[in-house]
Amino acid sequence: MLRTTSGLALLFVVLGGSAEAASFPCDKAEAPDEKAICAHLPINDRDVEMATRFEILKAVLPMGGQSKLREDQETWLTERRSCGADVECLRTTYDARLKVLRAVLSEFAKQGPQ
């Protein structure tokens, strides 16, 4: 449970401050979706939250859960890329993914020590 607690603490520290960079280097952004994420702070903030929650879940979920998490993330990234530079599409896509990641993290936290 210590790893879960420290992961949750990291999440709150990261999300507590304002995110100034996307989860990838904006100076290397080439794809339309990446450029739009870097150019729009609210989308950028969603990207940082999504990446942070993903990394925490990847660290705390059991192996089977990790595999499913990675598969779902790859599917989601394909959806995100299909948005191109459409900011509203990106917002909707991020909001849907964040809803799932928040729910998984919440459910994991409710389980308590194993």
PDB file of N, CA and C in Angstrom:
ATOM      1  N   MET A   1       0.821  -1.193   0.000  1.00  0.00           N
ATOM      2  CA  MET A   1       0.000   0.000   0.000  1.00  0.00           C
ATOM      3  C   MET A   1       0.859   1.248   0.000  1.00  0.00           C
ATOM      4  N   LEU A   2       2.118   1.137   0.469  1.00  0.00           N
ATOM      5  CA  LEU A   2       3.003   2.296   0.500  1.00  0.00           C
ATOM      6  C   LEU A   2       3.185   2.865  -0.891  1.00  0.00           C
ATOM      7  N   ARG A   3       3.355   2.003  -1.880  1.00  0.00           N
ATOM      8  CA  ARG A   3       3.526   2.481  -3.245  1.00  0.00           C
ATOM      9  C   ARG A   3       2.285   3.226  -3.717  1.00  0.00           C
ATOM     10  N   THR A   4       1.114   2.746  -3.359  1.00  0.00           N
ATOM     11  CA  THR A   4      -0.140   3.406  -3.713  1.00  0.00           C
ATOM     12  C   THR A   4      -0.223   4.774  -3.057  1.00  0.00           C
ATOM     13  N   THR A   5       0.104   4.833  -1.786  1.00  0.00           N
ATOM     14  CA  THR A   5       0.036   6.101  -1.057  1.00  0.00           C
ATOM     15  C   THR A   5       1.007   7.105  -1.646  1.00  0.00           C
ATOM     16  N   SER A   6       2.238   6.694  -1.924  1.00  0.00           N
ATOM     17  CA  SER A   6       3.198   7.638  -2.494  1.00  0.00           C
ATOM     18  C   SER A   6       2.800   8.028  -3.908  1.00  0.00           C
ATOM     19  N   GLY A   7       2.196   7.120  -4.646  1.00  0.00           N
ATOM     20  CA  GLY A   7       1.713   7.450  -5.990  1.00  0.00           C
ATOM     21  C   GLY A   7       0.598   8.460  -5.941  1.00  0.00           C
ATOM     22  N   LEU A   8      -0.319   8.286  -5.004  1.00  0.00           N
ATOM     23  CA  LEU A   8      -1.419   9.240  -4.858  1.00  0.00           C
ATOM     24  C   LEU A   8      -0.891  10.592  -4.406  1.00  0.00           C
ATOM     25  N   ALA A   9       0.094  10.603  -3.529  1.00  0.00           N
ATOM     26  CA  ALA A   9       0.680  11.869  -3.084  1.00  0.00           C
ATOM     27  C   ALA A   9       1.322  12.587  -4.266  1.00  0.00           C
ATOM     28  N   LEU A  10       2.035  11.846  -5.106  1.00  0.00           N
ATOM     29  CA  LEU A  10       2.640  12.438  -6.294  1.00  0.00           C
ATOM     30  C   LEU A  10       1.581  13.028  -7.206  1.00  0.00           C
ATOM     31  N   LEU A  11       0.486  12.321  -7.381  1.00  0.00           N
ATOM     32  CA  LEU A  11      -0.597  12.812  -8.225  1.00  0.00           C
ATOM     33  C   LEU A  11      -1.096  14.158  -7.714  1.00  0.00           C
ATOM     34  N   PHE A  12      -1.319  14.262  -6.415  1.00  0.00           N
ATOM     35  CA  PHE A  12      -1.849  15.507  -5.872  1.00  0.00           C
ATOM     36  C   PHE A  12      -0.837  16.638  -5.975  1.00  0.00           C
ATOM     37  N   VAL A  13       0.444  16.339  -5.811  1.00  0.00           N
ATOM     38  CA  VAL A  13       1.471  17.372  -5.954  1.00  0.00           C
ATOM     39  C   VAL A  13       1.517  17.862  -7.400  1.00  0.00           C
ATOM     40  N   VAL A  14       1.531  16.932  -8.341  1.00  0.00           N
ATOM     41  CA  VAL A  14       1.607  17.303  -9.753  1.00  0.00           C
ATOM     42  C   VAL A  14       0.358  18.052 -10.192  1.00  0.00           C
ATOM     43  N   LEU A  15      -0.803  17.572  -9.794  1.00  0.00           N
ATOM     44  CA  LEU A  15      -2.040  18.201 -10.223  1.00  0.00           C
ATOM     45  C   LEU A  15      -2.344  19.477  -9.457  1.00  0.00           C
ATOM     46  N   GLY A  16      -1.706  19.649  -8.308  1.00  0.00           N
ATOM     47  CA  GLY A  16      -1.953  20.833  -7.506  1.00  0.00           C
ATOM     48  C   GLY A  16      -1.391  22.092  -8.144  1.00  0.00           C
ATOM     49  N   GLY A  17      -0.282  21.985  -8.855  1.00  0.00           N
ATOM     50  CA  GLY A  17       0.316  23.137  -9.505  1.00  0.00           C
ATOM     51  C   GLY A  17      -0.219  23.273 -10.911  1.00  0.00           C
ATOM     52  N   SER A  18       0.077  24.395 -11.535  1.00  0.00           N
ATOM     53  CA  SER A  18      -0.387  24.548 -12.917  1.00  0.00           C
ATOM     54  C   SER A  18       0.605  23.871 -13.847  1.00  0.00           C
ATOM     55  N   ALA A  19       0.092  23.105 -14.772  1.00  0.00           N
ATOM     56  CA  ALA A  19       0.937  22.396 -15.725  1.00  0.00           C
ATOM     57  C   ALA A  19       1.354  23.341 -16.841  1.00  0.00           C
ATOM     58  N   GLU A  20       2.641  23.405 -17.081  1.00  0.00           N
ATOM     59  CA  GLU A  20       3.126  24.318 -18.104  1.00  0.00           C
ATOM     60  C   GLU A  20       3.671  23.588 -19.324  1.00  0.00           C
ATOM     61  N   ALA A  21       3.674  22.273 -19.269  1.00  0.00           N
ATOM     62  CA  ALA A  21       4.174  21.520 -20.411  1.00  0.00           C
ATOM     63  C   ALA A  21       3.342  20.257 -20.574  1.00  0.00           C
ATOM     64  N   ALA A  22       3.183  19.855 -21.801  1.00  0.00           N
ATOM     65  CA  ALA A  22       2.451  18.618 -22.083  1.00  0.00           C
ATOM     66  C   ALA A  22       3.287  17.420 -21.643  1.00  0.00           C
ATOM     67  N   SER A  23       2.725  16.235 -21.720  1.00  0.00           N
ATOM     68  CA  SER A  23       3.420  15.015 -21.312  1.00  0.00           C
ATOM     69  C   SER A  23       4.488  14.597 -22.321  1.00  0.00           C
ATOM     70  N   PHE A  24       4.606  15.341 -23.377  1.00  0.00           N
ATOM     71  CA  PHE A  24       5.637  15.096 -24.384  1.00  0.00           C
ATOM     72  C   PHE A  24       6.297  16.440 -24.663  1.00  0.00           C
ATOM     73  N   PRO A  25       7.508  16.441 -25.237  1.00  0.00           N
ATOM     74  CA  PRO A  25       8.194  17.720 -25.476  1.00  0.00           C
ATOM     75  C   PRO A  25       7.524  18.532 -26.590  1.00  0.00           C
ATOM     76  N   CYS A  26       6.971  19.673 -26.236  1.00  0.00           N
ATOM     77  CA  CYS A  26       6.273  20.494 -27.224  1.00  0.00           C
ATOM     78  C   CYS A  26       7.198  20.991 -28.330  1.00  0.00           C
ATOM     79  N   ASP A  27       8.477  21.160 -28.016  1.00  0.00           N
ATOM     80  CA  ASP A  27       9.402  21.627 -29.048  1.00  0.00           C
ATOM     81  C   ASP A  27       9.650  20.567 -30.124  1.00  0.00           C
ATOM     82  N   LYS A  28       9.203  19.333 -29.861  1.00  0.00           N
ATOM     83  CA  LYS A  28       9.341  18.257 -30.848  1.00  0.00           C
ATOM     84  C   LYS A  28       7.993  17.831 -31.430  1.00  0.00           C
ATOM     85  N   ALA A  29       6.923  18.544 -31.066  1.00  0.00           N
ATOM     86  CA  ALA A  29       5.585  18.199 -31.558  1.00  0.00           C
ATOM     87  C   ALA A  29       5.529  18.376 -33.071  1.00  0.00           C
ATOM     88  N   GLU A  30       5.080  17.347 -33.762  1.00  0.00           N
ATOM     89  CA  GLU A  30       4.956  17.402 -35.222  1.00  0.00           C
ATOM     90  C   GLU A  30       3.541  17.119 -35.692  1.00  0.00           C
ATOM     91  N   ALA A  31       2.869  16.193 -35.027  1.00  0.00           N
ATOM     92  CA  ALA A  31       1.514  15.814 -35.432  1.00  0.00           C
ATOM     93  C   ALA A  31       0.535  16.935 -35.085  1.00  0.00           C
ATOM     94  N   PRO A  32      -0.530  17.076 -35.875  1.00  0.00           N
ATOM     95  CA  PRO A  32      -1.517  18.133 -35.604  1.00  0.00           C
ATOM     96  C   PRO A  32      -2.103  18.082 -34.197  1.00  0.00           C
ATOM     97  N   ASP A  33      -2.386  16.877 -33.689  1.00  0.00           N
ATOM     98  CA  ASP A  33      -2.936  16.787 -32.335  1.00  0.00           C
ATOM     99  C   ASP A  33      -1.931  17.261 -31.296  1.00  0.00           C
ATOM    100  N   GLU A  34      -0.677  16.910 -31.463  1.00  0.00           N
ATOM    101  CA  GLU A  34       0.354  17.346 -30.523  1.00  0.00           C
ATOM    102  C   GLU A  34       0.521  18.862 -30.551  1.00  0.00           C
ATOM    103  N   LYS A  35       0.536  19.438 -31.732  1.00  0.00           N
ATOM    104  CA  LYS A  35       0.677  20.895 -31.845  1.00  0.00           C
ATOM    105  C   LYS A  35      -0.505  21.610 -31.188  1.00  0.00           C
ATOM    106  N   ALA A  36      -1.707  21.085 -31.381  1.00  0.00           N
ATOM    107  CA  ALA A  36      -2.897  21.690 -30.775  1.00  0.00           C
ATOM    108  C   ALA A  36      -2.854  21.562 -29.251  1.00  0.00           C
ATOM    109  N   ILE A  37      -2.385  20.433 -28.747  1.00  0.00           N
ATOM    110  CA  ILE A  37      -2.268  20.235 -27.304  1.00  0.00           C
ATOM    111  C   ILE A  37      -1.308  21.260 -26.716  1.00  0.00           C
ATOM    112  N   CYS A  38      -0.190  21.458 -27.373  1.00  0.00           N
ATOM    113  CA  CYS A  38       0.807  22.413 -26.891  1.00  0.00           C
ATOM    114  C   CYS A  38       0.311  23.859 -26.992  1.00  0.00           C
ATOM    115  N   ALA A  39      -0.535  24.141 -27.946  1.00  0.00           N
ATOM    116  CA  ALA A  39      -0.996  25.513 -28.176  1.00  0.00           C
ATOM    117  C   ALA A  39      -2.177  25.915 -27.299  1.00  0.00           C
ATOM    118  N   HIS A  40      -2.849  24.964 -26.674  1.00  0.00           N
ATOM    119  CA  HIS A  40      -4.052  25.251 -25.890  1.00  0.00           C
ATOM    120  C   HIS A  40      -3.866  24.761 -24.458  1.00  0.00           C
ATOM    121  N   LEU A  41      -3.659  25.695 -23.535  1.00  0.00           N
ATOM    122  CA  LEU A  41      -3.357  25.343 -22.155  1.00  0.00           C
ATOM    123  C   LEU A  41      -4.390  24.415 -21.512  1.00  0.00           C
ATOM    124  N   PRO A  42      -5.694  24.631 -21.690  1.00  0.00           N
ATOM    125  CA  PRO A  42      -6.649  23.691 -21.060  1.00  0.00           C
ATOM    126  C   PRO A  42      -6.494  22.249 -21.565  1.00  0.00           C
ATOM    127  N   ILE A  43      -6.174  22.086 -22.835  1.00  0.00           N
ATOM    128  CA  ILE A  43      -5.950  20.734 -23.379  1.00  0.00           C
ATOM    129  C   ILE A  43      -4.617  20.205 -22.856  1.00  0.00           C
ATOM    130  N   ASN A  44      -3.633  21.074 -22.816  1.00  0.00           N
ATOM    131  CA  ASN A  44      -2.318  20.718 -22.289  1.00  0.00           C
ATOM    132  C   ASN A  44      -2.453  20.228 -20.847  1.00  0.00           C
ATOM    133  N   ASP A  45      -3.227  20.951 -20.043  1.00  0.00           N
ATOM    134  CA  ASP A  45      -3.433  20.546 -18.654  1.00  0.00           C
ATOM    135  C   ASP A  45      -4.088  19.169 -18.576  1.00  0.00           C
ATOM    136  N   ARG A  46      -5.042  18.900 -19.444  1.00  0.00           N
ATOM    137  CA  ARG A  46      -5.687  17.576 -19.469  1.00  0.00           C
ATOM    138  C   ARG A  46      -4.664  16.498 -19.826  1.00  0.00           C
ATOM    139  N   ASP A  47      -3.763  16.819 -20.760  1.00  0.00           N
ATOM    140  CA  ASP A  47      -2.744  15.871 -21.169  1.00  0.00           C
ATOM    141  C   ASP A  47      -1.825  15.523 -19.997  1.00  0.00           C
ATOM    142  N   VAL A  48      -1.429  16.531 -19.245  1.00  0.00           N
ATOM    143  CA  VAL A  48      -0.554  16.303 -18.093  1.00  0.00           C
ATOM    144  C   VAL A  48      -1.280  15.453 -17.045  1.00  0.00           C
ATOM    145  N   GLU A  49      -2.535  15.768 -16.762  1.00  0.00           N
ATOM    146  CA  GLU A  49      -3.295  14.978 -15.794  1.00  0.00           C
ATOM    147  C   GLU A  49      -3.452  13.540 -16.277  1.00  0.00           C
ATOM    148  N   MET A  50      -3.766  13.369 -17.555  1.00  0.00           N
ATOM    149  CA  MET A  50      -3.945  12.027 -18.098  1.00  0.00           C
ATOM    150  C   MET A  50      -2.645  11.233 -17.960  1.00  0.00           C
ATOM    151  N   ALA A  51      -1.530  11.833 -18.340  1.00  0.00           N
ATOM    152  CA  ALA A  51      -0.247  11.129 -18.281  1.00  0.00           C
ATOM    153  C   ALA A  51       0.125  10.781 -16.842  1.00  0.00           C
ATOM    154  N   THR A  52      -0.141  11.680 -15.922  1.00  0.00           N
ATOM    155  CA  THR A  52       0.170  11.439 -14.517  1.00  0.00           C
ATOM    156  C   THR A  52      -0.674  10.296 -13.963  1.00  0.00           C
ATOM    157  N   ARG A  53      -1.962  10.336 -14.219  1.00  0.00           N
ATOM    158  CA  ARG A  53      -2.841   9.259 -13.737  1.00  0.00           C
ATOM    159  C   ARG A  53      -2.455   7.922 -14.376  1.00  0.00           C
ATOM    160  N   PHE A  54      -2.136   7.945 -15.655  1.00  0.00           N
ATOM    161  CA  PHE A  54      -1.728   6.719 -16.342  1.00  0.00           C
ATOM    162  C   PHE A  54      -0.487   6.127 -15.682  1.00  0.00           C
ATOM    163  N   GLU A  55       0.517   6.954 -15.419  1.00  0.00           N
ATOM    164  CA  GLU A  55       1.764   6.459 -14.822  1.00  0.00           C
ATOM    165  C   GLU A  55       1.530   5.904 -13.420  1.00  0.00           C
ATOM    166  N   ILE A  56       0.697   6.564 -12.629  1.00  0.00           N
ATOM    167  CA  ILE A  56       0.406   6.068 -11.285  1.00  0.00           C
ATOM    168  C   ILE A  56      -0.302   4.718 -11.370  1.00  0.00           C
ATOM    169  N   LEU A  57      -1.297   4.620 -12.236  1.00  0.00           N
ATOM    170  CA  LEU A  57      -2.020   3.354 -12.372  1.00  0.00           C
ATOM    171  C   LEU A  57      -1.111   2.251 -12.886  1.00  0.00           C
ATOM    172  N   LYS A  58      -0.244   2.579 -13.810  1.00  0.00           N
ATOM    173  CA  LYS A  58       0.692   1.598 -14.345  1.00  0.00           C
ATOM    174  C   LYS A  58       1.575   1.046 -13.229  1.00  0.00           C
ATOM    175  N   ALA A  59       1.900   1.895 -12.258  1.00  0.00           N
ATOM    176  CA  ALA A  59       2.772   1.474 -11.164  1.00  0.00           C
ATOM    177  C   ALA A  59       2.048   0.656 -10.099  1.00  0.00           C
ATOM    178  N   VAL A  60       0.746   0.858  -9.930  1.00  0.00           N
ATOM    179  CA  VAL A  60       0.058   0.211  -8.811  1.00  0.00           C
ATOM    180  C   VAL A  60      -0.852  -0.954  -9.195  1.00  0.00           C
ATOM    181  N   LEU A  61      -1.262  -1.025 -10.441  1.00  0.00           N
ATOM    182  CA  LEU A  61      -2.161  -2.111 -10.847  1.00  0.00           C
ATOM    183  C   LEU A  61      -1.403  -3.428 -10.969  1.00  0.00           C
ATOM    184  N   PRO A  62      -2.081  -4.544 -10.711  1.00  0.00           N
ATOM    185  CA  PRO A  62      -1.437  -5.842 -10.929  1.00  0.00           C
ATOM    186  C   PRO A  62      -1.156  -6.043 -12.421  1.00  0.00           C
ATOM    187  N   MET A  63      -0.304  -7.010 -12.733  1.00  0.00           N
ATOM    188  CA  MET A  63       0.170  -7.189 -14.107  1.00  0.00           C
ATOM    189  C   MET A  63      -0.962  -7.261 -15.135  1.00  0.00           C
ATOM    190  N   GLY A  64      -2.008  -8.014 -14.874  1.00  0.00           N
ATOM    191  CA  GLY A  64      -3.126  -8.110 -15.817  1.00  0.00           C
ATOM    192  C   GLY A  64      -3.785  -6.762 -16.032  1.00  0.00           C
ATOM    193  N   GLY A  65      -3.917  -5.999 -14.967  1.00  0.00           N
ATOM    194  CA  GLY A  65      -4.490  -4.666 -15.061  1.00  0.00           C
ATOM    195  C   GLY A  65      -3.598  -3.717 -15.839  1.00  0.00           C
ATOM    196  N   GLN A  66      -2.298  -3.894 -15.681  1.00  0.00           N
ATOM    197  CA  GLN A  66      -1.344  -3.064 -16.424  1.00  0.00           C
ATOM    198  C   GLN A  66      -1.461  -3.309 -17.922  1.00  0.00           C
ATOM    199  N   SER A  67      -1.594  -4.556 -18.313  1.00  0.00           N
ATOM    200  CA  SER A  67      -1.719  -4.882 -19.741  1.00  0.00           C
ATOM    201  C   SER A  67      -2.973  -4.252 -20.336  1.00  0.00           C
ATOM    202  N   LYS A  68      -4.082  -4.370 -19.620  1.00  0.00           N
ATOM    203  CA  LYS A  68      -5.336  -3.779 -20.075  1.00  0.00           C
ATOM    204  C   LYS A  68      -5.221  -2.261 -20.140  1.00  0.00           C
ATOM    205  N   LEU A  69      -4.583  -1.667 -19.152  1.00  0.00           N
ATOM    206  CA  LEU A  69      -4.376  -0.219 -19.121  1.00  0.00           C
ATOM    207  C   LEU A  69      -3.590   0.238 -20.349  1.00  0.00           C
ATOM    208  N   ARG A  70      -2.511  -0.469 -20.669  1.00  0.00           N
ATOM    209  CA  ARG A  70      -1.683  -0.112 -21.834  1.00  0.00           C
ATOM    210  C   ARG A  70      -2.462  -0.270 -23.139  1.00  0.00           C
ATOM    211  N   GLU A  71      -3.205  -1.359 -23.268  1.00  0.00           N
ATOM    212  CA  GLU A  71      -4.013  -1.576 -24.480  1.00  0.00           C
ATOM    213  C   GLU A  71      -5.044  -0.467 -24.654  1.00  0.00           C
ATOM    214  N   ASP A  72      -5.717  -0.138 -23.554  1.00  0.00           N
ATOM    215  CA  ASP A  72      -6.713   0.939 -23.613  1.00  0.00           C
ATOM    216  C   ASP A  72      -6.068   2.275 -23.959  1.00  0.00           C
ATOM    217  N   GLN A  73      -4.856   2.500 -23.440  1.00  0.00           N
ATOM    218  CA  GLN A  73      -4.163   3.757 -23.721  1.00  0.00           C
ATOM    219  C   GLN A  73      -3.790   3.846 -25.203  1.00  0.00           C
ATOM    220  N   GLU A  74      -3.346   2.760 -25.779  1.00  0.00           N
ATOM    221  CA  GLU A  74      -3.005   2.752 -27.207  1.00  0.00           C
ATOM    222  C   GLU A  74      -4.242   3.038 -28.058  1.00  0.00           C
ATOM    223  N   THR A  75      -5.368   2.429 -27.683  1.00  0.00           N
ATOM    224  CA  THR A  75      -6.620   2.689 -28.394  1.00  0.00           C
ATOM    225  C   THR A  75      -6.990   4.157 -28.267  1.00  0.00           C
ATOM    226  N   TRP A  76      -6.850   4.691 -27.066  1.00  0.00           N
ATOM    227  CA  TRP A  76      -7.170   6.095 -26.829  1.00  0.00           C
ATOM    228  C   TRP A  76      -6.249   7.025 -27.635  1.00  0.00           C
ATOM    229  N   LEU A  77      -4.974   6.710 -27.689  1.00  0.00           N
ATOM    230  CA  LEU A  77      -4.038   7.540 -28.460  1.00  0.00           C
ATOM    231  C   LEU A  77      -4.418   7.572 -29.942  1.00  0.00           C
ATOM    232  N   THR A  78      -4.898   6.468 -30.461  1.00  0.00           N
ATOM    233  CA  THR A  78      -5.367   6.433 -31.847  1.00  0.00           C
ATOM    234  C   THR A  78      -6.563   7.365 -32.021  1.00  0.00           C
ATOM    235  N   GLU A  79      -7.475   7.330 -31.045  1.00  0.00           N
ATOM    236  CA  GLU A  79      -8.631   8.241 -31.086  1.00  0.00           C
ATOM    237  C   GLU A  79      -8.174   9.689 -31.026  1.00  0.00           C
ATOM    238  N   ARG A  80      -7.223   9.964 -30.136  1.00  0.00           N
ATOM    239  CA  ARG A  80      -6.723  11.337 -29.995  1.00  0.00           C
ATOM    240  C   ARG A  80      -6.096  11.819 -31.305  1.00  0.00           C
ATOM    241  N   ARG A  81      -5.278  10.974 -31.908  1.00  0.00           N
ATOM    242  CA  ARG A  81      -4.623  11.350 -33.170  1.00  0.00           C
ATOM    243  C   ARG A  81      -5.643  11.652 -34.256  1.00  0.00           C
ATOM    244  N   SER A  82      -6.776  10.940 -34.240  1.00  0.00           N
ATOM    245  CA  SER A  82      -7.793  11.151 -35.273  1.00  0.00           C
ATOM    246  C   SER A  82      -8.460  12.525 -35.136  1.00  0.00           C
ATOM    247  N   CYS A  83      -8.323  13.158 -33.988  1.00  0.00           N
ATOM    248  CA  CYS A  83      -8.863  14.512 -33.806  1.00  0.00           C
ATOM    249  C   CYS A  83      -8.074  15.550 -34.597  1.00  0.00           C
ATOM    250  N   GLY A  84      -6.818  15.256 -34.887  1.00  0.00           N
ATOM    251  CA  GLY A  84      -5.988  16.259 -35.546  1.00  0.00           C
ATOM    252  C   GLY A  84      -5.904  17.504 -34.680  1.00  0.00           C
ATOM    253  N   ALA A  85      -6.082  18.668 -35.291  1.00  0.00           N
ATOM    254  CA  ALA A  85      -5.986  19.947 -34.575  1.00  0.00           C
ATOM    255  C   ALA A  85      -7.336  20.426 -34.043  1.00  0.00           C
ATOM    256  N   ASP A  86      -8.377  19.599 -34.117  1.00  0.00           N
ATOM    257  CA  ASP A  86      -9.710  19.978 -33.658  1.00  0.00           C
ATOM    258  C   ASP A  86      -9.739  20.010 -32.123  1.00  0.00           C
ATOM    259  N   VAL A  87      -9.684  21.213 -31.558  1.00  0.00           N
ATOM    260  CA  VAL A  87      -9.585  21.388 -30.108  1.00  0.00           C
ATOM    261  C   VAL A  87     -10.799  20.817 -29.381  1.00  0.00           C
ATOM    262  N   GLU A  88     -11.976  20.999 -29.912  1.00  0.00           N
ATOM    263  CA  GLU A  88     -13.177  20.465 -29.261  1.00  0.00           C
ATOM    264  C   GLU A  88     -13.140  18.934 -29.243  1.00  0.00           C
ATOM    265  N   CYS A  89     -12.713  18.332 -30.312  1.00  0.00           N
ATOM    266  CA  CYS A  89     -12.567  16.870 -30.362  1.00  0.00           C
ATOM    267  C   CYS A  89     -11.530  16.419 -29.330  1.00  0.00           C
ATOM    268  N   LEU A  90     -10.408  17.118 -29.245  1.00  0.00           N
ATOM    269  CA  LEU A  90      -9.375  16.776 -28.265  1.00  0.00           C
ATOM    270  C   LEU A  90      -9.922  16.901 -26.839  1.00  0.00           C
ATOM    271  N   ARG A  91     -10.661  17.975 -26.565  1.00  0.00           N
ATOM    272  CA  ARG A  91     -11.228  18.175 -25.239  1.00  0.00           C
ATOM    273  C   ARG A  91     -12.154  17.009 -24.877  1.00  0.00           C
ATOM    274  N   THR A  92     -13.023  16.652 -25.798  1.00  0.00           N
ATOM    275  CA  THR A  92     -13.968  15.566 -25.567  1.00  0.00           C
ATOM    276  C   THR A  92     -13.236  14.237 -25.362  1.00  0.00           C
ATOM    277  N   THR A  93     -12.224  13.997 -26.164  1.00  0.00           N
ATOM    278  CA  THR A  93     -11.449  12.758 -26.076  1.00  0.00           C
ATOM    279  C   THR A  93     -10.713  12.675 -24.745  1.00  0.00           C
ATOM    280  N   TYR A  94     -10.088  13.777 -24.359  1.00  0.00           N
ATOM    281  CA  TYR A  94      -9.399  13.799 -23.061  1.00  0.00           C
ATOM    282  C   TYR A  94     -10.383  13.635 -21.907  1.00  0.00           C
ATOM    283  N   ASP A  95     -11.500  14.333 -21.961  1.00  0.00           N
ATOM    284  CA  ASP A  95     -12.474  14.242 -20.873  1.00  0.00           C
ATOM    285  C   ASP A  95     -12.961  12.808 -20.688  1.00  0.00           C
ATOM    286  N   ALA A  96     -13.193  12.108 -21.787  1.00  0.00           N
ATOM    287  CA  ALA A  96     -13.645  10.715 -21.702  1.00  0.00           C
ATOM    288  C   ALA A  96     -12.554   9.825 -21.089  1.00  0.00           C
ATOM    289  N   ARG A  97     -11.312  10.013 -21.518  1.00  0.00           N
ATOM    290  CA  ARG A  97     -10.219   9.190 -20.990  1.00  0.00           C
ATOM    291  C   ARG A  97      -9.982   9.494 -19.516  1.00  0.00           C
ATOM    292  N   LEU A  98     -10.020  10.769 -19.162  1.00  0.00           N
ATOM    293  CA  LEU A  98      -9.811  11.141 -17.768  1.00  0.00           C
ATOM    294  C   LEU A  98     -10.902  10.568 -16.872  1.00  0.00           C
ATOM    295  N   LYS A  99     -12.123  10.531 -17.358  1.00  0.00           N
ATOM    296  CA  LYS A  99     -13.226   9.961 -16.577  1.00  0.00           C
ATOM    297  C   LYS A  99     -12.924   8.501 -16.248  1.00  0.00           C
ATOM    298  N   VAL A 100     -12.426   7.759 -17.225  1.00  0.00           N
ATOM    299  CA  VAL A 100     -12.095   6.352 -17.014  1.00  0.00           C
ATOM    300  C   VAL A 100     -10.931   6.214 -16.034  1.00  0.00           C
ATOM    301  N   LEU A 101      -9.854   6.975 -16.252  1.00  0.00           N
ATOM    302  CA  LEU A 101      -8.682   6.858 -15.388  1.00  0.00           C
ATOM    303  C   LEU A 101      -8.999   7.286 -13.955  1.00  0.00           C
ATOM    304  N   ARG A 102      -9.789   8.327 -13.795  1.00  0.00           N
ATOM    305  CA  ARG A 102     -10.200   8.753 -12.448  1.00  0.00           C
ATOM    306  C   ARG A 102     -10.992   7.649 -11.758  1.00  0.00           C
ATOM    307  N   ALA A 103     -11.898   7.016 -12.481  1.00  0.00           N
ATOM    308  CA  ALA A 103     -12.722   5.948 -11.909  1.00  0.00           C
ATOM    309  C   ALA A 103     -11.871   4.749 -11.512  1.00  0.00           C
ATOM    310  N   VAL A 104     -10.927   4.371 -12.346  1.00  0.00           N
ATOM    311  CA  VAL A 104     -10.066   3.226 -12.034  1.00  0.00           C
ATOM    312  C   VAL A 104      -9.221   3.543 -10.806  1.00  0.00           C
ATOM    313  N   LEU A 105      -8.653   4.732 -10.757  1.00  0.00           N
ATOM    314  CA  LEU A 105      -7.835   5.112  -9.613  1.00  0.00           C
ATOM    315  C   LEU A 105      -8.677   5.175  -8.336  1.00  0.00           C
ATOM    316  N   SER A 106      -9.869   5.707  -8.436  1.00  0.00           N
ATOM    317  CA  SER A 106     -10.769   5.783  -7.287  1.00  0.00           C
ATOM    318  C   SER A 106     -11.124   4.381  -6.790  1.00  0.00           C
ATOM    319  N   GLU A 107     -11.449   3.502  -7.698  1.00  0.00           N
ATOM    320  CA  GLU A 107     -11.801   2.127  -7.330  1.00  0.00           C
ATOM    321  C   GLU A 107     -10.600   1.416  -6.689  1.00  0.00           C
ATOM    322  N   PHE A 108      -9.422   1.630  -7.244  1.00  0.00           N
ATOM    323  CA  PHE A 108      -8.220   1.016  -6.678  1.00  0.00           C
ATOM    324  C   PHE A 108      -7.978   1.543  -5.270  1.00  0.00           C
ATOM    325  N   ALA A 109      -8.148   2.844  -5.061  1.00  0.00           N
ATOM    326  CA  ALA A 109      -7.924   3.442  -3.744  1.00  0.00           C
ATOM    327  C   ALA A 109      -8.919   2.916  -2.710  1.00  0.00           C
ATOM    328  N   LYS A 110     -10.152   2.628  -3.137  1.00  0.00           N
ATOM    329  CA  LYS A 110     -11.180   2.111  -2.220  1.00  0.00           C
ATOM    330  C   LYS A 110     -10.842   0.714  -1.714  1.00  0.00           C
ATOM    331  N   GLN A 111     -10.058  -0.037  -2.479  1.00  0.00           N
ATOM    332  CA  GLN A 111      -9.747  -1.409  -2.108  1.00  0.00           C
ATOM    333  C   GLN A 111      -8.866  -1.474  -0.871  1.00  0.00           C
ATOM    334  N   GLY A 112      -8.110  -0.431  -0.612  1.00  0.00           N
ATOM    335  CA  GLY A 112      -7.256  -0.388   0.575  1.00  0.00           C
ATOM    336  C   GLY A 112      -6.102  -1.355   0.493  1.00  0.00           C
ATOM    337  N   PRO A 113      -5.433  -1.576   1.627  1.00  0.00           N
ATOM    338  CA  PRO A 113      -4.263  -2.465   1.644  1.00  0.00           C
ATOM    339  C   PRO A 113      -4.638  -3.896   1.240  1.00  0.00           C
ATOM    340  N   GLN A 114      -3.776  -4.488   0.483  1.00  0.00           N
ATOM    341  CA  GLN A 114      -4.003  -5.858   0.016  1.00  0.00           C
ATOM    342  C   GLN A 114      -3.406  -6.856   0.979  1.00  0.00           C
TER     343      GLN A 114
END
